[in-house]
Protein backbone atom coordinates (compact mmCIF):
# COMPACT_ATOMS: atom_id res chain seq x y z
CA MET A 1 15.76 -10.52 -19.47
CA PHE A 2 14.20 -7.30 -20.90
CA ASN A 3 10.57 -7.07 -19.80
CA PRO A 4 8.54 -5.14 -22.51
CA SER A 5 5.60 -4.44 -19.98
CA ARG A 6 7.92 -2.31 -17.94
CA LEU A 7 8.81 -0.27 -20.97
CA ILE A 8 5.16 0.40 -21.52
CA ILE A 9 4.73 1.38 -17.81
CA ALA A 10 7.71 3.84 -18.12
CA ARG A 11 6.33 5.32 -21.48
CA LYS A 12 2.87 5.83 -20.07
CA ARG A 13 4.27 7.31 -16.92
CA ARG A 14 6.04 9.92 -19.04
CA GLN A 15 2.83 10.46 -21.06
CA LEU A 16 4.69 9.61 -24.32
CA THR A 17 3.17 8.03 -27.47
CA GLY A 18 5.08 5.18 -29.17
CA LYS A 19 6.25 7.56 -31.94
CA GLY A 20 7.25 10.23 -29.38
CA LEU A 21 9.42 7.78 -27.42
CA ALA A 22 10.81 6.26 -30.74
CA ASP A 23 11.91 9.72 -31.74
CA LEU A 24 13.56 10.53 -28.48
CA ALA A 25 15.42 7.20 -28.46
CA GLY A 26 16.48 7.47 -32.13
CA ILE A 27 14.73 4.20 -33.30
CA THR A 28 11.75 3.65 -35.68
CA ALA A 29 8.16 3.55 -34.26
CA VAL A 30 7.85 0.12 -35.87
CA HIS A 31 10.91 -1.12 -33.92
CA LEU A 32 9.61 0.18 -30.71
CA SER A 33 6.20 -1.39 -31.29
CA ARG A 34 7.87 -4.76 -31.82
CA ILE A 35 9.84 -4.35 -28.55
CA GLU A 36 6.71 -3.51 -26.59
CA GLN A 37 4.88 -6.52 -28.05
CA GLY A 38 7.68 -8.79 -27.14
CA LYS A 39 8.41 -9.70 -30.82
CA ALA A 40 11.83 -8.11 -31.10
CA GLU A 41 14.69 -10.54 -30.48
CA ASN A 42 18.15 -9.70 -29.24
CA ILE A 43 17.46 -6.15 -28.35
CA GLU A 44 20.88 -4.22 -28.58
CA GLN A 45 22.10 -2.68 -25.29
CA SER A 46 22.48 0.62 -27.09
CA THR A 47 18.84 0.60 -27.81
CA ILE A 48 18.09 -0.24 -24.12
CA ASP A 49 20.39 2.59 -23.06
CA ALA A 50 18.71 5.00 -25.43
CA LEU A 51 15.35 4.07 -24.05
CA SER A 52 16.45 4.41 -20.55
CA LYS A 53 17.92 7.82 -21.26
CA ALA A 54 14.78 9.10 -23.09
CA LEU A 55 12.47 7.90 -20.34
CA LYS A 56 14.88 8.84 -17.42
CA PHE A 57 14.50 5.44 -15.91
CA PRO A 58 17.43 3.22 -14.72
CA VAL A 59 18.36 0.56 -17.20
CA ASP A 60 17.73 -2.25 -14.54
CA PHE A 61 14.07 -1.20 -14.25
CA PHE A 62 13.40 -2.79 -17.69
CA CYS A 63 14.69 -6.06 -16.51
CA GLY A 64 12.49 -6.90 -13.58
CA ASP A 65 9.44 -8.91 -13.12
CA ASP A 66 5.94 -7.86 -14.11
CA ILE A 67 4.33 -5.19 -11.93
CA ASP A 68 0.95 -4.94 -10.68
CA ILE A 69 -0.95 -2.04 -12.21
CA PRO A 70 -4.20 -0.44 -10.94
CA THR A 71 -6.86 -0.82 -13.73
CA PRO A 72 -9.33 1.79 -14.79
CA ASP A 73 -12.21 -0.44 -13.91
CA SER A 74 -11.05 -0.88 -10.31
CA VAL A 75 -10.12 2.75 -9.61
CA SER A 76 -12.37 5.66 -8.65
CA PHE A 77 -11.44 8.46 -10.91
CA ARG A 78 -13.70 11.34 -10.12
CA SER A 79 -12.98 13.42 -13.20
CA LEU A 80 -12.79 10.60 -15.64
CA SER A 81 -14.78 12.40 -18.37
CA ALA A 82 -12.39 15.48 -18.17
CA MET A 83 -9.19 13.48 -17.82
CA THR A 84 -7.16 12.66 -20.95
CA ALA A 85 -6.13 9.11 -21.57
CA ARG A 86 -2.44 10.16 -20.96
CA GLU A 87 -3.32 11.74 -17.72
CA ARG A 88 -5.18 8.72 -16.57
CA ASP A 89 -2.58 6.22 -17.58
CA SER A 90 0.29 8.24 -15.98
CA ALA A 91 -1.50 8.33 -12.75
CA LEU A 92 -2.14 4.60 -12.98
CA MET A 93 1.48 3.97 -13.59
CA ALA A 94 2.43 5.88 -10.53
CA GLY A 95 0.13 3.52 -8.62
CA SER A 96 2.12 0.68 -9.86
CA PHE A 97 5.21 2.33 -8.28
CA ALA A 98 3.35 2.77 -5.13
CA TYR A 99 2.51 -1.06 -5.00
CA LEU A 100 6.27 -1.67 -5.31
CA ILE A 101 7.12 0.60 -2.45
CA ALA A 102 4.20 -0.73 -0.30
CA ASP A 103 5.43 -4.31 -0.82
CA TRP A 104 9.06 -3.38 -0.09
CA VAL A 105 8.10 -1.67 3.24
CA SER A 106 5.64 -4.51 4.24
CA ASP A 107 8.52 -6.87 4.07
CA LYS A 108 10.39 -4.81 6.63
CA PHE A 109 7.67 -3.38 8.91
CA ASN A 110 4.49 -4.69 10.48
CA LEU A 111 2.10 -2.00 9.29
CA PRO A 112 -1.28 -1.15 10.79
CA GLU A 113 -3.82 -3.80 10.03
CA VAL A 114 -6.90 -2.86 7.95
CA ASP A 115 -9.90 -1.77 10.10
CA LEU A 116 -12.54 -0.83 7.66
CA ILE A 117 -16.15 -2.19 7.47
CA ASN A 118 -18.18 -3.00 4.51
CA LEU A 119 -20.98 -0.43 4.25
CA GLU A 120 -22.40 -1.49 0.85
CA HIS A 121 -25.62 -2.53 2.53
CA GLU A 122 -26.37 0.92 3.94
CA ASN A 123 -29.08 2.65 2.03
CA GLU A 124 -27.90 6.22 2.46
CA PRO A 125 -24.25 7.60 2.52
CA ASP A 126 -25.03 9.83 5.58
CA ALA A 127 -26.20 6.69 7.56
CA ALA A 128 -23.02 4.88 6.41
CA ALA A 129 -20.83 7.79 7.69
CA LYS A 130 -22.55 7.70 11.02
CA VAL A 131 -22.02 3.97 11.39
CA LEU A 132 -18.35 4.27 10.55
CA ARG A 133 -17.85 7.11 12.91
CA THR A 134 -19.47 5.00 15.63
CA TYR A 135 -17.40 1.94 14.78
CA TRP A 136 -14.17 4.06 15.02
CA GLY A 137 -15.32 5.63 18.22
CA LEU A 138 -15.22 9.13 16.84
CA GLY A 139 -18.54 10.32 18.16
CA GLU A 140 -19.56 13.84 16.94
CA LYS A 141 -16.10 15.45 17.31
CA PRO A 142 -14.09 16.84 14.36
CA ILE A 143 -11.37 14.87 12.87
CA SER A 144 -8.16 16.77 13.46
CA ASN A 145 -5.91 14.80 10.97
CA VAL A 146 -7.65 12.84 8.33
CA ILE A 147 -4.35 11.23 6.93
CA LYS A 148 -3.23 10.06 10.33
CA LEU A 149 -6.74 8.61 11.13
CA LEU A 150 -6.83 6.63 7.85
CA GLU A 151 -3.34 5.37 8.14
CA SER A 152 -4.12 4.03 11.70
CA LYS A 153 -6.85 2.10 10.13
CA GLY A 154 -4.67 0.39 7.64
CA VAL A 155 -5.14 2.53 4.58
CA ARG A 156 -2.01 3.04 2.58
CA ILE A 157 -1.90 6.71 1.40
CA PHE A 158 0.33 8.11 -1.31
CA SER A 159 0.75 11.52 -2.81
CA LEU A 160 0.64 12.37 -6.52
CA CYS A 161 2.35 15.29 -8.33
CA GLU A 162 0.08 15.37 -11.37
CA ASP A 163 0.11 18.97 -12.61
CA THR A 164 -3.46 18.83 -13.68
CA LYS A 165 -6.87 20.02 -12.22
CA ASN A 166 -8.54 16.99 -13.76
CA LEU A 167 -7.27 14.56 -11.07
CA ASP A 168 -8.03 15.21 -7.37
CA ALA A 169 -7.60 11.70 -6.11
CA PHE A 170 -8.31 8.04 -6.64
CA SER A 171 -8.44 4.86 -4.64
CA CYS A 172 -8.59 1.14 -4.99
CA TRP A 173 -8.26 -2.22 -3.21
CA ARG A 174 -5.41 -4.59 -3.81
CA ASP A 175 -5.05 -7.96 -2.08
CA GLY A 176 -7.39 -6.80 0.74
CA ILE A 177 -5.46 -3.47 1.24
CA PRO A 178 -6.99 -0.18 0.71
CA TYR A 179 -5.05 2.49 -1.22
CA ILE A 180 -5.70 6.24 -1.67
CA PHE A 181 -3.71 8.58 -3.82
CA LEU A 182 -3.93 12.25 -3.20
CA ASN A 183 -2.96 14.86 -5.71
CA SER A 184 -0.79 17.64 -4.12
CA PHE A 185 -2.33 20.04 -6.79
CA SER A 186 -5.30 20.39 -4.40
CA THR A 187 -5.61 22.72 -1.30
CA ALA A 188 -5.16 21.28 2.09
CA GLU A 189 -8.86 21.50 2.73
CA ARG A 190 -9.77 19.85 -0.51
CA SER A 191 -7.18 17.26 0.17
CA ARG A 192 -8.92 16.28 3.48
CA PHE A 193 -12.31 16.10 1.78
CA ASP A 194 -10.84 14.07 -1.23
CA ALA A 195 -9.39 11.49 1.21
CA LEU A 196 -12.75 10.90 2.82
CA HIS A 197 -14.37 10.86 -0.56
CA GLU A 198 -12.13 8.03 -1.59
CA LEU A 199 -12.74 6.32 1.75
CA GLY A 200 -16.36 6.42 0.66
CA HIS A 201 -15.68 4.52 -2.49
CA LEU A 202 -13.63 2.02 -0.53
CA VAL A 203 -16.40 1.18 1.91
CA LEU A 204 -19.44 1.92 -0.13
CA HIS A 205 -18.46 0.57 -3.60
CA ARG A 206 -15.81 -2.18 -2.83
CA HIS A 207 -17.50 -4.86 -4.90
CA THR A 208 -18.92 -2.56 -7.69
CA LYS A 209 -17.41 -0.41 -10.28
CA PRO A 210 -16.69 2.82 -8.34
CA GLN A 211 -17.42 5.11 -11.27
CA GLY A 212 -20.47 7.01 -12.53
CA ARG A 213 -22.33 10.21 -11.34
CA GLN A 214 -24.29 8.24 -8.70
CA ALA A 215 -21.29 6.83 -7.09
CA GLU A 216 -19.60 10.22 -6.97
CA ILE A 217 -22.66 11.76 -5.32
CA GLU A 218 -22.71 8.97 -2.66
CA ALA A 219 -18.99 9.38 -1.98
CA ASP A 220 -19.36 13.20 -1.66
CA LYS A 221 -22.24 12.83 0.75
CA PHE A 222 -20.41 10.26 2.74
CA ALA A 223 -17.30 12.43 3.13
CA SER A 224 -19.39 15.57 4.03
CA HIS A 225 -21.08 13.72 6.90
CA VAL A 226 -17.80 12.00 8.03
CA LEU A 227 -16.20 15.46 8.31
CA MET A 228 -19.29 17.36 9.56
CA PRO A 229 -21.62 15.20 11.65
CA THR A 230 -25.11 16.87 11.68
CA MET A 231 -25.43 17.41 15.44
CA ASP A 232 -21.95 19.02 15.66
CA LEU A 233 -22.67 21.20 12.68
CA ILE A 234 -25.99 22.38 13.98
CA GLY A 235 -24.70 22.98 17.49
CA ASN A 236 -21.79 25.14 16.32
CA VAL A 237 -23.47 26.91 13.31
CA PRO A 238 -26.96 27.65 14.42
CA PHE A 239 -27.51 30.41 11.76
CA ILE A 240 -25.30 32.20 9.10
CA THR A 241 -25.86 35.76 7.93
CA SER A 242 -22.61 36.63 6.22
CA LEU A 243 -19.77 35.01 4.25
CA ASN A 244 -17.28 36.01 7.02
CA GLN A 245 -19.21 33.84 9.40
CA LEU A 246 -18.68 30.87 7.01
CA VAL A 247 -14.91 31.69 6.67
CA GLN A 248 -14.59 31.81 10.44
CA ALA A 249 -16.70 28.66 11.06
CA LYS A 250 -14.91 26.35 8.57
CA SER A 251 -11.70 26.00 10.61
CA ARG A 252 -13.59 23.76 13.11
CA TRP A 253 -13.88 20.92 10.62
CA GLY A 254 -10.83 21.74 8.40
CA ILE A 255 -12.94 22.11 5.31
CA SER A 256 -13.31 24.64 2.49
CA VAL A 257 -15.77 27.52 2.67
CA SER A 258 -17.65 26.12 -0.36
CA ALA A 259 -17.98 22.60 1.39
CA LEU A 260 -19.30 24.26 4.53
CA ALA A 261 -22.02 26.24 2.55
CA TYR A 262 -22.94 23.22 0.72
CA ARG A 263 -23.33 21.09 3.91
CA LEU A 264 -25.31 23.81 5.76
CA HIS A 265 -27.64 24.05 2.57
CA LYS A 266 -28.24 20.34 2.65
CA ALA A 267 -28.85 20.55 6.43
CA GLU A 268 -31.48 23.14 5.71
CA ARG A 269 -29.57 25.91 7.61
CA LEU A 270 -29.27 27.91 4.42
CA SER A 271 -32.06 28.62 2.08
CA ASP A 272 -31.73 28.13 -1.72
CA TRP A 273 -31.43 31.82 -2.13
CA GLN A 274 -28.69 32.15 0.57
CA TYR A 275 -26.77 29.31 -0.86
CA ARG A 276 -26.68 30.69 -4.31
CA THR A 277 -25.64 34.04 -3.03
CA PHE A 278 -22.84 32.65 -0.94
CA CYS A 279 -21.63 30.60 -3.96
CA ILE A 280 -21.47 33.72 -6.09
CA GLN A 281 -19.61 35.62 -3.30
CA ILE A 282 -17.16 32.87 -2.73
CA ASN A 283 -16.32 32.54 -6.39
CA LYS A 284 -15.97 36.25 -6.71
CA GLN A 285 -13.83 36.87 -3.71
CA PHE A 286 -11.69 33.80 -3.57
CA GLY A 287 -11.85 32.04 -6.94
CA ARG A 288 -9.69 28.87 -6.62
CA SER A 289 -7.83 30.00 -3.55
CA GLU A 290 -9.10 29.22 0.00
CA PRO A 291 -9.48 31.84 2.72
CA ASN A 292 -7.67 31.19 6.00
CA GLY A 293 -6.00 28.14 4.34
CA LEU A 294 -4.73 25.21 6.43
CA PRO A 295 -1.26 23.75 6.33
CA ARG A 296 -1.28 20.47 4.39
CA GLU A 297 -1.61 17.38 6.38
CA LYS A 298 1.42 15.17 6.76
CA SER A 299 1.77 11.36 6.96
CA THR A 300 2.70 10.02 10.42
CA LEU A 301 3.20 6.44 9.02
CA TRP A 302 5.63 7.35 6.20
CA GLU A 303 7.61 9.73 8.33
CA MET A 304 8.07 7.05 11.07
CA ILE A 305 9.17 4.45 8.44
CA PHE A 306 11.64 6.71 6.77
CA ARG A 307 13.03 7.91 9.99
CA LYS A 308 13.79 4.38 11.02
CA LEU A 309 15.36 3.81 7.73
CA TRP A 310 17.47 6.82 7.94
CA GLU A 311 18.68 5.67 11.40
CA ASP A 312 19.94 2.54 9.62
CA ARG A 313 21.60 4.86 6.94
CA ILE A 314 18.99 3.92 4.39
CA THR A 315 18.12 6.94 2.21
CA LYS A 316 15.43 7.42 -0.34
CA GLU A 317 18.07 6.91 -2.98
CA HIS A 318 18.87 3.50 -1.57
CA VAL A 319 15.18 2.51 -1.58
CA ALA A 320 14.75 3.74 -5.19
CA LYS A 321 17.81 1.93 -6.34
CA GLU A 322 16.68 -1.38 -4.77
CA LEU A 323 13.31 -0.89 -6.59
CA TYR A 324 14.96 0.20 -9.75
CA ILE A 325 12.64 3.16 -10.05
CA PRO A 326 13.73 7.00 -10.42
CA SER A 327 14.23 8.61 -7.02
CA GLY A 328 11.85 11.30 -8.22
CA GLU A 329 9.01 8.81 -8.39
CA LEU A 330 9.64 7.69 -4.78
CA TYR A 331 9.89 11.34 -3.71
CA GLY A 332 6.61 12.32 -5.46
CA LEU A 333 4.71 9.38 -3.84
CA ILE A 334 5.98 9.62 -0.26
CA PHE A 335 7.98 12.70 0.40
CA ASN A 336 5.24 15.24 -0.28
CA LEU A 337 3.46 13.50 2.66
CA ILE A 338 6.37 14.03 5.23
CA ASP A 339 8.45 16.83 6.50
CA ASN A 340 12.15 17.30 6.22
CA PRO A 341 13.52 14.76 8.68
CA VAL A 342 16.48 16.95 9.81
CA ASP A 343 14.19 19.76 10.91
CA LYS A 344 11.52 17.87 12.79
CA GLN A 345 11.56 16.01 16.05
CA ILE A 346 11.19 12.21 15.83
CA ILE A 347 7.59 11.04 15.96
CA LYS A 348 6.92 8.61 18.82
CA SER A 349 5.78 5.13 18.07
CA LYS A 350 2.43 5.75 20.00
CA ASP A 351 1.26 7.73 17.12
CA ILE A 352 0.62 4.51 15.18
CA PRO A 353 1.00 1.74 17.68
CA SER A 354 0.91 -1.08 14.94
CA LEU A 355 4.21 -0.04 13.33
CA ARG A 356 7.00 -2.37 14.25
CA LEU A 357 10.00 -3.85 12.53
CA ALA A 358 9.03 -7.20 10.89
């Protein structure tokens, strides 16, 4: 049975209009509209093949059940005003493939259980950050690997390959499971901050619409305090007189030089004049690049899962074929978060104790 909703998903993932897809497939826009609305009867196989070729999706993809799709109202898009509708919809469709992958993996492995707490009752994001760090037993120490920490707490993390500066990350809840999507377009330092920004939405705004300027400010403040606890910040950076000091100090917390300057300003360790001066210097000297950049964090969970699958001779192509999605979609969502399995030593199960074969 041809499923029109899957055709819409594939078209939006490719950021095509109805007319654009119709032209590529060699059919009329009216006919395509009727197909997507479920009003076309006896769709010819040649038409399905043409749509499959134009969209670069397997034919079998269009014959599956309905797929869960993240909705704009439930997702925390930080740059929603700057994002085009096509960029937004394409990212949401990638989220639907992530759901397919997560469900497939959950059937085969016992993944870490969710260990987040609801912090909606906290009046201030910095207080919420302190409560969460205490709950997780982090104390005041820096977080060495944000992705590994969040995965161990049951957060499902996926990567995005959206070639746009308008999308940093987004997050949502689905069936009691938290999801975070990180765009590989960002720097490693920005990605760490983005992950904790999205964690802020998950724990601060779970039962509210996580959008709007105030929600973004709260998530930013939460992430800043989770990454840089006040006592540790003050103890290690008592005073700053030069940009070079900022560049040297930022490595302790794995953050961008801009984020450190902002945090020090809010902690009243930089005056308004000093902060403005440093912002001008940072923009002039570094622009969009990051001095002393960190290597991008990798996923411990996904590497363990796919190493186990590879031991059983199950490749990413096998997984993609079983899910009826292009292997490129699977690669983009997972493999930007892990290293080449041939070149790296096998990760030991102690890294994420909850991972077991179901």
